[in-house]
Amino acid sequence: MDIVQVVGFALIATVLAVVLRQEKPELALGVAVAAGVVIFLSFVGKIGVVITVLNGMASRAGLNMVY
């Protein structure tokens, strides 16, 4: 997901959760948790790429990879 799409999704989920909180608080919590999981899962692949790049930089710098 593009960052603009993620922000838009988060804003829509937030507004939906706030509106639902007045009538059904348990459903609002479910919407908030589901939105958080979707956003987290959309970034998992990108985090792996960042870790790979950082490991490559550390090995080129001669750092001990134990830490």
N, C-alpha and C. Protein backbone atom coordinates (compact mmCIF):
# COMPACT_ATOMS: atom_id res chain seq x y z
N MET A 1 0.84 -1.19 0.00
CA MET A 1 0.00 0.00 0.00
C MET A 1 0.88 1.24 0.00
N ASP A 2 0.46 2.21 -0.72
CA ASP A 2 1.14 3.49 -0.71
C ASP A 2 0.81 4.20 0.61
N ILE A 3 1.70 5.08 1.05
CA ILE A 3 1.51 5.73 2.34
C ILE A 3 0.23 6.56 2.38
N VAL A 4 -0.13 7.16 1.24
CA VAL A 4 -1.36 7.95 1.19
C VAL A 4 -2.58 7.04 1.38
N GLN A 5 -2.54 5.86 0.79
CA GLN A 5 -3.63 4.91 0.95
C GLN A 5 -3.72 4.44 2.40
N VAL A 6 -2.58 4.21 3.02
CA VAL A 6 -2.57 3.76 4.42
C VAL A 6 -3.15 4.84 5.32
N VAL A 7 -2.75 6.08 5.10
CA VAL A 7 -3.27 7.18 5.92
C VAL A 7 -4.77 7.34 5.70
N GLY A 8 -5.21 7.26 4.45
CA GLY A 8 -6.64 7.35 4.17
C GLY A 8 -7.42 6.23 4.83
N PHE A 9 -6.89 5.02 4.73
CA PHE A 9 -7.54 3.87 5.38
C PHE A 9 -7.60 4.07 6.89
N ALA A 10 -6.51 4.55 7.48
CA ALA A 10 -6.47 4.77 8.92
C ALA A 10 -7.47 5.84 9.35
N LEU A 11 -7.58 6.91 8.58
CA LEU A 11 -8.54 7.96 8.92
C LEU A 11 -9.98 7.47 8.83
N ILE A 12 -10.28 6.71 7.78
CA ILE A 12 -11.63 6.17 7.64
C ILE A 12 -11.95 5.20 8.78
N ALA A 13 -10.99 4.35 9.12
CA ALA A 13 -11.20 3.40 10.22
C ALA A 13 -11.38 4.13 11.54
N THR A 14 -10.63 5.21 11.73
CA THR A 14 -10.75 5.99 12.97
C THR A 14 -12.13 6.64 13.09
N VAL A 15 -12.57 7.26 12.01
CA VAL A 15 -13.90 7.89 12.02
C VAL A 15 -14.98 6.85 12.26
N LEU A 16 -14.86 5.71 11.59
CA LEU A 16 -15.84 4.64 11.77
C LEU A 16 -15.84 4.13 13.22
N ALA A 17 -14.67 3.99 13.80
CA ALA A 17 -14.58 3.52 15.19
C ALA A 17 -15.19 4.53 16.16
N VAL A 18 -14.95 5.81 15.90
CA VAL A 18 -15.50 6.85 16.79
C VAL A 18 -17.02 6.89 16.69
N VAL A 19 -17.54 6.76 15.47
CA VAL A 19 -19.00 6.77 15.29
C VAL A 19 -19.62 5.53 15.94
N LEU A 20 -19.00 4.39 15.76
CA LEU A 20 -19.53 3.15 16.33
C LEU A 20 -19.42 3.10 17.85
N ARG A 21 -18.44 3.81 18.40
CA ARG A 21 -18.22 3.76 19.85
C ARG A 21 -19.44 4.24 20.64
N GLN A 22 -20.21 5.14 20.05
CA GLN A 22 -21.39 5.66 20.74
C GLN A 22 -22.48 4.60 20.87
N GLU A 23 -22.64 3.77 19.86
CA GLU A 23 -23.71 2.77 19.86
C GLU A 23 -23.25 1.38 20.29
N LYS A 24 -22.12 0.94 19.73
CA LYS A 24 -21.62 -0.41 20.01
C LYS A 24 -20.11 -0.36 20.25
N PRO A 25 -19.71 -0.15 21.50
CA PRO A 25 -18.28 -0.02 21.80
C PRO A 25 -17.47 -1.27 21.45
N GLU A 26 -18.06 -2.46 21.59
CA GLU A 26 -17.32 -3.68 21.29
C GLU A 26 -17.03 -3.79 19.79
N LEU A 27 -17.94 -3.32 18.96
CA LEU A 27 -17.72 -3.33 17.52
C LEU A 27 -16.66 -2.29 17.13
N ALA A 28 -16.66 -1.16 17.82
CA ALA A 28 -15.65 -0.13 17.55
C ALA A 28 -14.25 -0.65 17.84
N LEU A 29 -14.12 -1.41 18.92
CA LEU A 29 -12.83 -2.00 19.24
C LEU A 29 -12.40 -2.98 18.16
N GLY A 30 -13.33 -3.77 17.67
CA GLY A 30 -13.02 -4.72 16.60
C GLY A 30 -12.57 -4.02 15.33
N VAL A 31 -13.21 -2.92 14.99
CA VAL A 31 -12.82 -2.15 13.80
C VAL A 31 -11.41 -1.60 13.98
N ALA A 32 -11.12 -1.07 15.15
CA ALA A 32 -9.80 -0.50 15.40
C ALA A 32 -8.70 -1.56 15.35
N VAL A 33 -8.96 -2.71 15.95
CA VAL A 33 -7.98 -3.79 15.94
C VAL A 33 -7.78 -4.32 14.52
N ALA A 34 -8.86 -4.51 13.79
CA ALA A 34 -8.75 -5.01 12.41
C ALA A 34 -7.98 -4.03 11.53
N ALA A 35 -8.23 -2.74 11.70
CA ALA A 35 -7.50 -1.75 10.92
C ALA A 35 -6.02 -1.77 11.26
N GLY A 36 -5.70 -1.90 12.53
CA GLY A 36 -4.30 -1.99 12.93
C GLY A 36 -3.60 -3.20 12.35
N VAL A 37 -4.28 -4.33 12.33
CA VAL A 37 -3.70 -5.55 11.76
C VAL A 37 -3.47 -5.39 10.27
N VAL A 38 -4.43 -4.82 9.56
CA VAL A 38 -4.28 -4.61 8.11
C VAL A 38 -3.11 -3.69 7.82
N ILE A 39 -2.99 -2.61 8.57
CA ILE A 39 -1.88 -1.68 8.36
C ILE A 39 -0.55 -2.35 8.68
N PHE A 40 -0.49 -3.10 9.77
CA PHE A 40 0.74 -3.80 10.13
C PHE A 40 1.14 -4.79 9.05
N LEU A 41 0.19 -5.58 8.58
CA LEU A 41 0.50 -6.59 7.56
C LEU A 41 0.91 -5.96 6.23
N SER A 42 0.44 -4.75 5.96
CA SER A 42 0.84 -4.10 4.71
C SER A 42 2.30 -3.65 4.75
N PHE A 43 2.86 -3.49 5.95
CA PHE A 43 4.25 -3.05 6.07
C PHE A 43 5.24 -4.16 6.39
N VAL A 44 4.77 -5.36 6.63
CA VAL A 44 5.67 -6.45 7.01
C VAL A 44 6.70 -6.73 5.93
N GLY A 45 6.29 -6.79 4.68
CA GLY A 45 7.22 -7.05 3.58
C GLY A 45 8.26 -5.96 3.44
N LYS A 46 7.85 -4.72 3.62
CA LYS A 46 8.77 -3.60 3.49
C LYS A 46 9.79 -3.57 4.64
N ILE A 47 9.38 -4.01 5.81
CA ILE A 47 10.29 -4.06 6.95
C ILE A 47 11.40 -5.08 6.69
N GLY A 48 11.05 -6.19 6.06
CA GLY A 48 12.06 -7.20 5.71
C GLY A 48 13.11 -6.65 4.77
N VAL A 49 12.71 -5.83 3.82
CA VAL A 49 13.66 -5.21 2.89
C VAL A 49 14.59 -4.27 3.64
N VAL A 50 14.06 -3.49 4.56
CA VAL A 50 14.88 -2.56 5.34
C VAL A 50 15.89 -3.32 6.18
N ILE A 51 15.49 -4.41 6.79
CA ILE A 51 16.41 -5.21 7.61
C ILE A 51 17.51 -5.80 6.74
N THR A 52 17.16 -6.25 5.54
CA THR A 52 18.16 -6.80 4.63
C THR A 52 19.19 -5.74 4.25
N VAL A 53 18.73 -4.54 3.95
CA VAL A 53 19.65 -3.45 3.60
C VAL A 53 20.54 -3.11 4.78
N LEU A 54 19.98 -3.04 5.98
CA LEU A 54 20.79 -2.72 7.16
C LEU A 54 21.81 -3.81 7.44
N ASN A 55 21.45 -5.07 7.26
CA ASN A 55 22.41 -6.15 7.44
C ASN A 55 23.54 -6.06 6.43
N GLY A 56 23.22 -5.72 5.19
CA GLY A 56 24.25 -5.56 4.17
C GLY A 56 25.20 -4.42 4.51
N MET A 57 24.66 -3.31 4.98
CA MET A 57 25.50 -2.18 5.37
C MET A 57 26.39 -2.54 6.55
N ALA A 58 25.85 -3.27 7.51
CA ALA A 58 26.63 -3.66 8.68
C ALA A 58 27.75 -4.61 8.30
N SER A 59 27.48 -5.53 7.38
CA SER A 59 28.53 -6.47 6.98
C SER A 59 29.62 -5.76 6.18
N ARG A 60 29.24 -4.79 5.34
CA ARG A 60 30.25 -4.02 4.59
C ARG A 60 31.09 -3.16 5.52
N ALA A 61 30.50 -2.72 6.63
CA ALA A 61 31.23 -1.90 7.59
C ALA A 61 32.10 -2.75 8.51
N GLY A 62 31.95 -4.07 8.43
CA GLY A 62 32.76 -4.95 9.26
C GLY A 62 32.27 -5.09 10.68
N LEU A 63 30.99 -4.84 10.90
CA LEU A 63 30.44 -4.96 12.25
C LEU A 63 30.17 -6.42 12.59
N ASN A 64 30.27 -6.74 13.86
CA ASN A 64 29.99 -8.09 14.33
C ASN A 64 28.48 -8.31 14.26
N MET A 65 28.03 -9.32 13.54
CA MET A 65 26.61 -9.54 13.31
C MET A 65 25.92 -10.25 14.48
N VAL A 66 26.66 -10.56 15.54
CA VAL A 66 26.07 -11.22 16.70
C VAL A 66 25.08 -10.28 17.39
N TYR A 67 25.37 -9.01 17.40
CA TYR A 67 24.52 -8.05 18.09
C TYR A 67 23.46 -7.54 17.15
